[in-house]
């Protein structure tokens, strides 16, 4: 598992996270890091990130790094990245980082650069709790070790800067929706029963669980058409089950469609075809 070396700031701000080294090597605690002459702006990240129960999910970001002329961003011991945090910005807030030690920065002038990287999420490794779904904020950080030993640096010679509130994104519990229309075939004017299930990722249990008490639309697409129309809106049961009836008129496809919430993305089932005789 990746372990990030830390340089604790006396002010109680977020710990400096820079390197993938064993924790035992991060023993140095002499001095206090000075404030690095750097700032972050124009951070761009996806509006939403859908995370299931097993597969790794990566979300890319870009930002502008502005730094003093005395800051060498090409140095091998200079690191910068962006990361997600939940709630108020503090050292105890849930945080999500990328696999790489540093974002990749391309200089655009002697004091500015465009940096790109990714946040990598591993739901199967317990990176997320279900209650954390929803809005996350983005922060960025930079550290210049300035030739100091990475395992035992004189922190007074290490520069560090972090900046919170640069952007927001939704980290959502991936959703699934099924549908089954019966009988097939059916006589014109008779009743069609449409069942289904709305589920979403349960990060705590590493499985998909029912999403109850949600408004879901029953929609129909006539054979030969490409457009679905809404027939009615129903609520999912406490277990996410869906069931309703409608009258058969013409051949076509029935599906359920869920508009989504801040914690769960929108999803539509694949249409189930019913032949009307």
Foldseek 3Di string as FASTA:
>chain_A
DFDFQWAQAPVQAATDGFDRDDNQLNPAHADHAAAFFKDKAPKDWDQEWEDAQADKGKTKIKIKMFHDLPDDCPDPQKAKDKKKFFDDRGNPTQIFACPDRHWDWDDPDSGMTMTMDITMDGLNVPSDALVRFFKIWMKMKMKHQPPADNRHGNNHSIHMDMDTRRGMHTYAFEKDKAKDWDDAAEAAFDKIKMKMFIWTHGSVVSHIWGDFQAKKFKWKDAPPGDDIDTDDIDTAHPRRMDIDMDGHHAWTWIKIWGCADRHYHTDIYDTDTYHYD
